[in-house]
């Protein structure tokens, strides 16, 4: 049986007998947008503070924003993005 190596080139005793698929992290993805922010909408927009509060709460749930497109116009903000978090 071939040895498995960690990032430092050392034999990883815990990986022996496991496939790459078993070792790789599993992710779940979610599309996020302005419609999910309380008090706003795609045509109404949201304040910067409301968007920040929403994104901070999202982060507390373990989500990481991996892509976001945002538009700010006349004090209102709209966005569309992709978030991911590790599956258990």
Protein backbone atom coordinates (compact mmCIF):
# COMPACT_ATOMS: atom_id res chain seq x y z
CA UNK A 1 0.00 0.00 0.00
CA UNK A 2 1.41 3.40 -0.97
CA UNK A 3 1.95 5.96 1.78
CA UNK A 4 -0.09 9.15 1.82
CA UNK A 5 1.79 12.40 2.38
CA UNK A 6 0.63 15.63 4.01
CA UNK A 7 1.47 19.15 2.78
CA UNK A 8 4.91 18.96 4.41
CA UNK A 9 5.84 15.76 2.58
CA UNK A 10 5.54 13.68 5.74
CA UNK A 11 3.68 10.36 5.87
CA UNK A 12 0.15 11.04 7.08
CA UNK A 13 -0.76 8.01 9.20
CA UNK A 14 -4.40 9.06 9.35
CA UNK A 15 -4.77 9.15 5.56
CA UNK A 16 -3.43 5.65 4.85
CA UNK A 17 -6.18 3.61 3.21
CA UNK A 18 -8.34 6.65 2.49
CA UNK A 19 -9.01 7.94 -1.00
CA UNK A 20 -8.55 11.53 -2.11
CA UNK A 21 -12.34 11.83 -2.23
CA UNK A 22 -12.52 10.87 1.47
CA UNK A 23 -9.89 13.45 2.41
CA UNK A 24 -11.22 16.41 0.39
CA UNK A 25 -13.50 18.88 2.14
CA UNK A 26 -17.14 18.91 1.14
CA UNK A 27 -18.87 22.26 0.56
CA UNK A 28 -22.40 23.52 0.22
CA UNK A 29 -23.11 26.64 -1.81
CA UNK A 30 -25.82 29.25 -1.67
CA UNK A 31 -26.85 32.11 -3.94
CA UNK A 32 -27.43 35.28 -1.93
CA UNK A 33 -29.00 38.54 -3.00
CA UNK A 34 -30.55 41.77 -1.83
CA UNK A 35 -34.00 40.18 -1.49
CA UNK A 36 -32.81 38.28 1.61
CA UNK A 37 -31.90 41.46 3.52
CA UNK A 38 -34.80 42.50 5.77
CA UNK A 39 -36.49 45.75 4.75
CA UNK A 40 -35.21 45.91 1.20
CA UNK A 41 -35.55 44.34 -2.17
CA UNK A 42 -34.03 44.24 -5.61
CA UNK A 43 -35.72 47.48 -6.65
CA UNK A 44 -35.81 49.23 -3.25
CA UNK A 45 -32.21 48.52 -2.28
CA UNK A 46 -30.85 48.56 1.27
CA UNK A 47 -28.69 50.77 3.39
CA UNK A 48 -25.03 49.86 3.76
CA UNK A 49 -25.65 49.16 7.47
CA UNK A 50 -28.50 46.70 6.72
CA UNK A 51 -26.33 44.82 4.20
CA UNK A 52 -23.38 44.67 6.63
CA UNK A 53 -25.64 43.36 9.42
CA UNK A 54 -27.02 40.69 7.07
CA UNK A 55 -23.56 39.59 5.90
CA UNK A 56 -22.20 39.50 9.46
CA UNK A 57 -25.10 37.27 10.55
CA UNK A 58 -24.46 35.08 7.52
CA UNK A 59 -20.80 34.76 8.54
CA UNK A 60 -21.83 33.77 12.08
CA UNK A 61 -23.67 30.83 10.51
CA UNK A 62 -20.40 29.66 8.93
CA UNK A 63 -20.92 31.02 5.41
CA UNK A 64 -18.05 32.59 3.47
CA UNK A 65 -18.74 34.92 0.54
CA UNK A 66 -16.71 33.69 -2.43
CA UNK A 67 -18.10 36.09 -5.05
CA UNK A 68 -20.23 39.20 -4.85
CA UNK A 69 -21.33 41.87 -7.30
CA UNK A 70 -22.65 45.01 -5.64
CA UNK A 71 -24.16 48.25 -6.81
CA UNK A 72 -24.57 51.33 -4.65
CA UNK A 73 -26.68 54.17 -5.95
CA UNK A 74 -28.15 57.15 -4.07
CA UNK A 75 -27.44 55.59 -0.69
CA UNK A 76 -29.05 52.25 -1.51
CA UNK A 77 -27.17 49.03 -2.06
CA UNK A 78 -28.03 45.94 -4.11
CA UNK A 79 -25.97 42.77 -4.50
CA UNK A 80 -25.88 39.23 -5.84
CA UNK A 81 -23.32 36.69 -4.73
CA UNK A 82 -22.26 33.14 -3.96
CA UNK A 83 -21.41 31.84 -0.50
CA UNK A 84 -20.03 28.52 0.68
CA UNK A 85 -19.57 26.65 3.95
CA UNK A 86 -18.07 23.32 4.82
CA UNK A 87 -20.51 20.44 5.11
CA UNK A 88 -20.24 18.32 8.23
